[in-house]
């Protein structure tokens, strides 16, 4: 673990608008900046409510973002971005829409290709267009970060791009946009937000400057997630989750996630399990596995979730599992349609994600990963 005097770089969107009813502030901001040609990148549902953003000018809407987007989906987005010749790109939706908006902002009109920018700090020059992010779920925190992920359909691997040039000029976080999210999706995305916070908090690169956001984000999920699942129109609960998601995004830049996300990714790339659902299923297994390496922080996590546990691995697992299961989340791989015969390939995929596994507080061998998948099956 790093210490208080360890160097760290903190990144935030230049402007954050937060609260019920703030969505329309994006239009005012864009008008004041003089942006006339605007491209909104969204999924089919959110494309029907672009008017909530109060944008003015030549508005082009790309409405074909797919869950867990792949390189083909990105190619379509880049085609739309080049055709629109936009001055402002808006990511409007969940993490998939916001990640594609980041990539569109830096790659449209650029001589660089996706594969040339995969990895940290490969984008050569500042983007030509402004970037705004408007989340409609409370999970990824992508509005706050500098990373974007797309799947390579040939290798089934996530391609991760990291660049300060993908940091939003403005993030508009309006919890009212999440009122329509179904209960099951609310539960899964809420646990994803929590996983960002927990994995950063228990990370080998954990830092006191980020721990503040990580443990508070976890506490917000513990307090509000069950309420929002029960009543999607509970404005306070929705706002609490939106803030937790934003805090999780703050954690991703300087610290990032660890073993939990590494094990969750193959569920999405191979079996198209929604990212939040994959993280929720994996969460109790990796938290319990890591307990011997970070017992005090694990205890703080469980207290933030309102659960009392001992330092015993089984106690932590049971409490974390019940937290997720009580939200109605499917907690078995077999229940998600993952065949047992695919567990070895998934273990190979996860073990190759060194950028995350190397952050984990306890070394995860390939055999450990395979055992976790077996236990989760």
Protein backbone atom coordinates (compact mmCIF):
# COMPACT_ATOMS: atom_id res chain seq x y z
CA UNK A 1 0.00 0.00 0.00
CA UNK A 2 1.15 3.54 -0.68
CA UNK A 3 1.43 6.09 2.11
CA UNK A 4 0.18 9.59 2.76
CA UNK A 5 3.32 11.17 1.29
CA UNK A 6 3.18 9.13 -1.94
CA UNK A 7 2.70 11.24 -5.09
CA UNK A 8 -0.74 11.07 -6.74
CA UNK A 9 -2.49 12.85 -9.60
CA UNK A 10 -6.18 13.69 -9.17
CA UNK A 11 -8.35 14.41 -12.21
CA UNK A 12 -11.89 15.81 -12.42
CA UNK A 13 -14.09 17.13 -15.21
CA UNK A 14 -13.55 20.87 -15.51
CA UNK A 15 -17.17 21.54 -14.52
CA UNK A 16 -19.63 19.28 -12.70
CA UNK A 17 -23.35 20.07 -12.49
CA UNK A 18 -25.04 17.80 -9.93
CA UNK A 19 -28.62 17.50 -8.72
CA UNK A 20 -32.24 16.93 -9.68
CA UNK A 21 -33.20 19.04 -12.69
CA UNK A 22 -29.68 19.92 -13.85
CA UNK A 23 -29.89 18.16 -17.25
CA UNK A 24 -31.07 21.29 -19.05
CA UNK A 25 -28.01 23.19 -17.86
CA UNK A 26 -26.01 21.44 -20.57
CA UNK A 27 -27.91 23.37 -23.25
CA UNK A 28 -27.22 26.69 -21.53
CA UNK A 29 -23.53 25.86 -21.18
CA UNK A 30 -23.23 24.78 -24.83
CA UNK A 31 -24.94 27.96 -26.04
CA UNK A 32 -22.66 30.14 -23.94
CA UNK A 33 -19.66 28.38 -25.47
CA UNK A 34 -21.03 28.95 -28.97
CA UNK A 35 -21.31 25.28 -29.91
CA UNK A 36 -23.77 24.95 -32.81
CA UNK A 37 -22.98 21.54 -34.33
CA UNK A 38 -23.54 18.91 -31.65
CA UNK A 39 -23.35 15.11 -31.78
CA UNK A 40 -25.16 13.16 -29.05
CA UNK A 41 -24.01 9.56 -28.66
CA UNK A 42 -26.69 7.44 -27.03
CA UNK A 43 -28.60 4.18 -26.92
CA UNK A 44 -32.03 3.80 -28.49
CA UNK A 45 -33.95 4.57 -25.29
CA UNK A 46 -32.06 7.67 -24.24
CA UNK A 47 -32.11 8.98 -27.79
CA UNK A 48 -35.84 9.53 -27.31
CA UNK A 49 -35.24 12.03 -24.51
CA UNK A 50 -32.40 14.17 -25.83
CA UNK A 51 -34.75 17.16 -25.46
CA UNK A 52 -34.10 16.98 -21.70
CA UNK A 53 -30.65 18.42 -22.40
CA UNK A 54 -32.12 21.61 -23.93
CA UNK A 55 -29.48 21.69 -26.68
CA UNK A 56 -29.81 24.21 -29.50
CA UNK A 57 -28.37 24.17 -33.02
CA UNK A 58 -27.67 21.37 -35.48
CA UNK A 59 -28.20 18.29 -33.30
CA UNK A 60 -27.17 14.90 -34.65
CA UNK A 61 -28.13 11.88 -32.55
CA UNK A 62 -26.31 8.55 -32.86
CA UNK A 63 -28.80 6.16 -31.26
CA UNK A 64 -27.14 2.80 -31.86
CA UNK A 65 -24.85 2.33 -28.85
CA UNK A 66 -24.87 -1.33 -27.79
CA UNK A 67 -24.18 -2.77 -24.33
CA UNK A 68 -20.52 -3.76 -23.93
CA UNK A 69 -19.69 -2.04 -27.26
CA UNK A 70 -17.19 -3.62 -29.61
CA UNK A 71 -14.88 -2.16 -32.24
CA UNK A 72 -17.58 -2.40 -34.92
CA UNK A 73 -19.90 -0.24 -32.82
CA UNK A 74 -17.07 2.27 -32.37
CA UNK A 75 -16.50 2.36 -36.13
CA UNK A 76 -20.16 3.35 -36.60
CA UNK A 77 -19.80 6.08 -33.99
CA UNK A 78 -16.68 7.45 -35.67
CA UNK A 79 -18.49 7.49 -39.00
CA UNK A 80 -21.29 9.53 -37.46
CA UNK A 81 -18.81 11.85 -35.76
CA UNK A 82 -16.90 12.56 -38.96
CA UNK A 83 -20.14 13.17 -40.88
CA UNK A 84 -21.50 15.53 -38.22
CA UNK A 85 -18.29 17.60 -38.01
CA UNK A 86 -19.41 18.40 -34.47
CA UNK A 87 -18.02 21.09 -32.22
CA UNK A 88 -19.36 19.27 -29.16
CA UNK A 89 -19.70 15.55 -28.50
CA UNK A 90 -22.14 14.48 -25.78
CA UNK A 91 -22.16 11.04 -24.16
CA UNK A 92 -25.75 10.48 -23.02
CA UNK A 93 -26.46 7.13 -21.39
CA UNK A 94 -24.60 4.54 -19.38
CA UNK A 95 -20.90 3.77 -19.44
CA UNK A 96 -21.04 2.40 -22.97
CA UNK A 97 -22.33 5.66 -24.45
CA UNK A 98 -19.92 7.76 -22.42
CA UNK A 99 -16.90 5.61 -23.31
CA UNK A 100 -17.74 5.80 -27.02
CA UNK A 101 -18.15 9.57 -26.70
CA UNK A 102 -14.65 9.83 -25.24
CA UNK A 103 -13.18 7.83 -28.11
CA UNK A 104 -15.16 9.75 -30.71
CA UNK A 105 -13.90 13.02 -29.26
CA UNK A 106 -10.23 12.07 -29.62
CA UNK A 107 -10.33 9.86 -32.74
CA UNK A 108 -12.68 11.70 -35.11
CA UNK A 109 -10.61 13.73 -37.54
CA UNK A 110 -7.42 12.22 -36.10
CA UNK A 111 -4.71 10.34 -37.97
CA UNK A 112 -4.51 7.87 -35.07
CA UNK A 113 -6.45 4.61 -35.05
CA UNK A 114 -7.98 2.87 -32.04
CA UNK A 115 -5.19 0.31 -31.83
CA UNK A 116 -2.59 3.07 -31.82
CA UNK A 117 -4.08 4.64 -28.71
CA UNK A 118 -4.79 1.51 -26.64
CA UNK A 119 -2.96 1.77 -23.33
CA UNK A 120 -2.00 4.74 -21.17
CA UNK A 121 -1.20 8.15 -22.65
CA UNK A 122 -1.06 7.13 -26.32
CA UNK A 123 -3.35 9.89 -27.65
CA UNK A 124 -0.87 12.32 -29.23
CA UNK A 125 -2.66 15.63 -29.22
CA UNK A 126 -5.59 17.45 -27.61
CA UNK A 127 -8.98 16.78 -29.18
CA UNK A 128 -10.48 19.26 -31.63
CA UNK A 129 -13.96 19.10 -30.09
CA UNK A 130 -15.52 19.71 -26.69
CA UNK A 131 -16.78 16.77 -24.64
CA UNK A 132 -19.78 16.59 -22.32
CA UNK A 133 -20.94 13.57 -20.34
CA UNK A 134 -24.47 12.99 -19.02
CA UNK A 135 -24.97 9.67 -17.19
CA UNK A 136 -28.41 8.05 -17.10
CA UNK A 137 -27.43 5.18 -14.79
CA UNK A 138 -25.63 5.13 -11.45
CA UNK A 139 -22.81 2.68 -11.93
CA UNK A 140 -19.83 3.30 -14.14
CA UNK A 141 -18.78 6.80 -13.09
CA UNK A 142 -17.42 7.12 -16.63
CA UNK A 143 -18.44 10.80 -16.68
CA UNK A 144 -15.59 11.54 -14.25
CA UNK A 145 -12.77 9.51 -15.76
CA UNK A 146 -10.12 9.34 -18.46
CA UNK A 147 -10.55 5.70 -19.54
CA UNK A 148 -12.67 4.11 -22.24
CA UNK A 149 -13.21 0.43 -22.98
CA UNK A 150 -14.33 -1.41 -26.11
CA UNK A 151 -14.27 -5.12 -26.87
CA UNK A 152 -12.17 -6.70 -29.61
CA UNK A 153 -14.55 -9.37 -30.99
CA UNK A 154 -11.63 -11.42 -32.35
CA UNK A 155 -9.79 -11.83 -29.04
CA UNK A 156 -12.76 -11.30 -26.68
CA UNK A 157 -10.52 -8.86 -24.79
CA UNK A 158 -11.30 -5.38 -23.51
CA UNK A 159 -9.23 -2.68 -25.20
CA UNK A 160 -8.55 0.05 -22.65
CA UNK A 161 -7.61 3.57 -23.68
CA UNK A 162 -6.43 6.03 -21.03
CA UNK A 163 -5.76 9.68 -21.78
CA UNK A 164 -6.15 13.06 -20.12
CA UNK A 165 -7.47 14.21 -23.50
CA UNK A 166 -10.64 12.18 -22.78
CA UNK A 167 -11.53 14.13 -19.64
CA UNK A 168 -14.92 15.83 -20.02
CA UNK A 169 -15.21 19.60 -20.18
CA UNK A 170 -18.50 19.25 -18.31
CA UNK A 171 -20.30 16.41 -16.54
CA UNK A 172 -24.00 16.87 -15.86
CA UNK A 173 -25.22 14.40 -13.24
CA UNK A 174 -29.00 14.66 -12.94
CA UNK A 175 -30.40 11.84 -10.76
CA UNK A 176 -33.85 12.41 -12.32
CA UNK A 177 -32.52 10.76 -15.49
CA UNK A 178 -32.14 7.51 -13.52
CA UNK A 179 -35.73 7.32 -12.25
CA UNK A 180 -36.74 5.09 -15.16
CA UNK A 181 -33.96 2.52 -14.67
CA UNK A 182 -35.55 -0.87 -13.84
CA UNK A 183 -35.03 -2.36 -10.39
CA UNK A 184 -32.78 -5.19 -11.58
CA UNK A 185 -30.52 -2.80 -13.49
CA UNK A 186 -30.51 -0.36 -10.57
CA UNK A 187 -29.27 -3.13 -8.29
CA UNK A 188 -26.52 -4.32 -10.61
CA UNK A 189 -25.24 -0.87 -11.55
CA UNK A 190 -25.32 0.19 -7.91
CA UNK A 191 -23.07 -2.71 -6.96
CA UNK A 192 -20.78 -1.77 -9.87
CA UNK A 193 -20.42 1.72 -8.40
CA UNK A 194 -19.68 0.16 -5.03
CA UNK A 195 -17.14 -2.21 -6.60
CA UNK A 196 -15.24 0.75 -8.07
CA UNK A 197 -15.04 2.26 -4.60
CA UNK A 198 -14.20 -0.96 -2.76
CA UNK A 199 -11.56 -2.10 -5.25
CA UNK A 200 -9.89 1.32 -5.08
CA UNK A 201 -10.09 1.36 -1.26
CA UNK A 202 -8.46 -2.08 -0.90
CA UNK A 203 -6.04 -1.56 -3.82
CA UNK A 204 -2.26 -1.88 -3.69
CA UNK A 205 -2.21 1.71 -5.01
CA UNK A 206 -4.84 2.93 -2.53
CA UNK A 207 -4.16 6.47 -1.35
CA UNK A 208 -5.68 8.49 1.52
CA UNK A 209 -6.67 11.22 -0.95
CA UNK A 210 -8.86 8.70 -2.81
CA UNK A 211 -9.89 6.61 0.21
CA UNK A 212 -12.13 9.50 1.28
CA UNK A 213 -14.26 9.15 -1.86
CA UNK A 214 -14.02 5.35 -1.89
CA UNK A 215 -15.40 4.72 1.58
CA UNK A 216 -18.06 7.42 1.29
CA UNK A 217 -19.19 6.02 -2.07
CA UNK A 218 -19.47 2.59 -0.44
CA UNK A 219 -21.48 4.06 2.44
CA UNK A 220 -23.87 5.80 0.04
CA UNK A 221 -24.54 2.51 -1.76
CA UNK A 222 -25.08 0.75 1.56
CA UNK A 223 -27.58 3.41 2.62
CA UNK A 224 -29.50 4.01 -0.60
CA UNK A 225 -29.30 1.09 -3.02
CA UNK A 226 -32.01 -1.07 -1.46
CA UNK A 227 -34.27 1.99 -1.26
CA UNK A 228 -33.82 2.81 -4.94
CA UNK A 229 -34.43 -0.82 -5.94
CA UNK A 230 -37.66 -0.81 -3.94
CA UNK A 231 -38.85 2.60 -5.19
CA UNK A 232 -37.25 3.95 -8.35
CA UNK A 233 -38.82 7.38 -7.86
CA UNK A 234 -37.16 7.90 -4.45
CA UNK A 235 -35.30 11.10 -5.35
CA UNK A 236 -33.00 11.09 -2.32
CA UNK A 237 -31.97 7.48 -2.90
CA UNK A 238 -31.39 8.11 -6.61
CA UNK A 239 -29.27 11.16 -5.80
CA UNK A 240 -27.27 9.16 -3.28
CA UNK A 241 -26.49 6.52 -5.89
CA UNK A 242 -25.61 9.14 -8.51
CA UNK A 243 -23.12 10.63 -6.06
CA UNK A 244 -21.72 7.19 -5.22
CA UNK A 245 -21.22 6.51 -8.92
CA UNK A 246 -19.48 9.86 -9.39
CA UNK A 247 -17.20 9.14 -6.42
CA UNK A 248 -16.43 5.74 -7.93
CA UNK A 249 -15.40 7.53 -11.11
CA UNK A 250 -13.09 9.75 -9.07
CA UNK A 251 -11.43 6.58 -7.76
CA UNK A 252 -10.79 5.13 -11.21
CA UNK A 253 -8.34 7.74 -12.46
CA UNK A 254 -5.54 7.71 -9.90
CA UNK A 255 -6.07 4.21 -8.43
CA UNK A 256 -8.40 2.10 -10.65
CA UNK A 257 -10.04 -1.25 -9.97
CA UNK A 258 -8.43 -4.62 -9.25
CA UNK A 259 -9.23 -8.33 -9.21
CA UNK A 260 -13.02 -8.03 -9.10
CA UNK A 261 -13.23 -6.22 -12.41
CA UNK A 262 -10.62 -8.49 -13.99
CA UNK A 263 -12.77 -11.52 -13.20
CA UNK A 264 -15.97 -9.78 -14.26
CA UNK A 265 -14.80 -8.71 -17.72
CA UNK A 266 -14.87 -12.19 -19.37
CA UNK A 267 -18.55 -12.52 -18.45
CA UNK A 268 -19.26 -9.47 -20.58
CA UNK A 269 -16.93 -10.12 -23.49
CA UNK A 270 -17.77 -13.82 -23.86
CA UNK A 271 -21.38 -14.03 -22.69
CA UNK A 272 -22.59 -10.43 -22.95
CA UNK A 273 -23.52 -10.31 -19.27
CA UNK A 274 -24.20 -6.69 -18.34
CA UNK A 275 -21.15 -5.14 -16.68
CA UNK A 276 -22.95 -4.32 -13.45
CA UNK A 277 -24.45 -7.80 -13.13
CA UNK A 278 -21.04 -9.39 -13.73
CA UNK A 279 -19.38 -7.26 -11.06
CA UNK A 280 -22.15 -7.94 -8.56
CA UNK A 281 -21.82 -11.70 -9.00
CA UNK A 282 -18.04 -11.63 -8.60
CA UNK A 283 -17.91 -9.02 -5.81
CA UNK A 284 -18.35 -11.20 -2.67
CA UNK A 285 -15.89 -13.83 -3.93
CA UNK A 286 -12.99 -11.43 -4.52
CA UNK A 287 -13.72 -9.32 -1.42
CA UNK A 288 -13.57 -12.44 0.73
CA UNK A 289 -10.42 -13.71 -1.04
CA UNK A 290 -8.67 -10.39 -0.38
CA UNK A 291 -9.65 -10.20 3.30
CA UNK A 292 -6.41 -11.68 4.73
CA UNK A 293 -4.38 -9.01 2.90
CA UNK A 294 -6.53 -6.04 3.97
CA UNK A 295 -8.52 -7.07 7.07
CA UNK A 296 -9.02 -3.58 8.50
CA UNK A 297 -10.16 -2.08 5.22
CA UNK A 298 -12.46 -5.03 4.57
CA UNK A 299 -14.03 -4.47 7.98
CA UNK A 300 -14.52 -0.78 7.12
CA UNK A 301 -16.19 -1.76 3.83
CA UNK A 302 -18.63 -4.11 5.51
CA UNK A 303 -19.44 -1.54 8.19
CA UNK A 304 -20.13 1.02 5.45
CA UNK A 305 -22.57 -1.46 3.92
CA UNK A 306 -24.26 -1.89 7.30
CA UNK A 307 -23.04 -5.46 7.78
CA UNK A 308 -21.16 -6.82 10.78
CA UNK A 309 -18.51 -9.44 10.08
CA UNK A 310 -15.41 -10.96 11.59
CA UNK A 311 -12.03 -11.14 9.82
CA UNK A 312 -13.00 -14.65 8.77
CA UNK A 313 -13.17 -15.16 4.99
CA UNK A 314 -16.43 -17.10 5.23
CA UNK A 315 -18.03 -14.38 7.36
CA UNK A 316 -17.10 -11.68 4.84
CA UNK A 317 -18.29 -13.77 1.92
CA UNK A 318 -21.64 -14.58 3.52
CA UNK A 319 -22.32 -10.91 4.38
CA UNK A 320 -21.28 -9.57 0.96
CA UNK A 321 -23.19 -12.32 -0.85
CA UNK A 322 -26.37 -11.65 1.10
CA UNK A 323 -26.07 -7.90 0.45
CA UNK A 324 -26.15 -8.56 -3.31
CA UNK A 325 -28.63 -11.45 -3.26
CA UNK A 326 -31.16 -9.50 -1.19
CA UNK A 327 -31.26 -6.94 -4.02
CA UNK A 328 -32.55 -9.63 -6.36
CA UNK A 329 -29.28 -10.03 -8.27
CA UNK A 330 -28.53 -13.38 -9.93
CA UNK A 331 -25.51 -14.72 -8.04
CA UNK A 332 -24.74 -17.91 -9.97
CA UNK A 333 -22.90 -18.13 -13.30
CA UNK A 334 -25.14 -21.02 -14.30
CA UNK A 335 -28.14 -18.76 -13.75
CA UNK A 336 -26.72 -16.31 -16.31
CA UNK A 337 -26.33 -19.02 -18.93
CA UNK A 338 -22.56 -19.37 -18.65
CA UNK A 339 -21.61 -22.99 -19.48
CA UNK A 340 -19.30 -24.80 -17.08
CA UNK A 341 -17.10 -25.78 -20.00
CA UNK A 342 -16.17 -22.15 -20.53
CA UNK A 343 -14.69 -21.58 -17.07
CA UNK A 344 -11.14 -22.47 -18.14
CA UNK A 345 -11.19 -20.04 -21.05
CA UNK A 346 -12.62 -17.35 -18.77
CA UNK A 347 -9.85 -17.99 -16.25
CA UNK A 348 -7.27 -17.60 -19.01
CA UNK A 349 -8.88 -14.32 -20.11
CA UNK A 350 -9.04 -12.90 -16.60
CA UNK A 351 -5.49 -13.93 -15.68
CA UNK A 352 -4.21 -11.98 -18.69
CA UNK A 353 -5.67 -8.67 -17.42
CA UNK A 354 -2.49 -7.65 -15.62
CA UNK A 355 -3.34 -3.92 -15.57
CA UNK A 356 -6.00 -4.77 -12.96
CA UNK A 357 -4.71 -7.94 -11.32
CA UNK A 358 -1.43 -6.24 -10.45
CA UNK A 359 -3.48 -3.78 -8.35
CA UNK A 360 -5.09 -6.53 -6.28
CA UNK A 361 -3.99 -6.55 -2.61
CA UNK A 362 -3.54 -10.33 -2.71
CA UNK A 363 -1.98 -12.19 -5.64
CA UNK A 364 -4.59 -14.03 -7.70
CA UNK A 365 -3.13 -17.03 -9.51
CA UNK A 366 -4.78 -18.58 -12.51
CA UNK A 367 -5.82 -21.47 -10.25
CA UNK A 368 -7.35 -19.03 -7.74
CA UNK A 369 -9.38 -17.41 -10.51
CA UNK A 370 -10.57 -20.79 -11.78
CA UNK A 371 -11.59 -21.74 -8.22
CA UNK A 372 -13.59 -18.55 -7.82
CA UNK A 373 -15.43 -19.17 -11.09
CA UNK A 374 -16.14 -22.75 -9.95
CA UNK A 375 -17.50 -21.51 -6.63
CA UNK A 376 -19.63 -18.94 -8.44
CA UNK A 377 -20.99 -21.43 -10.93
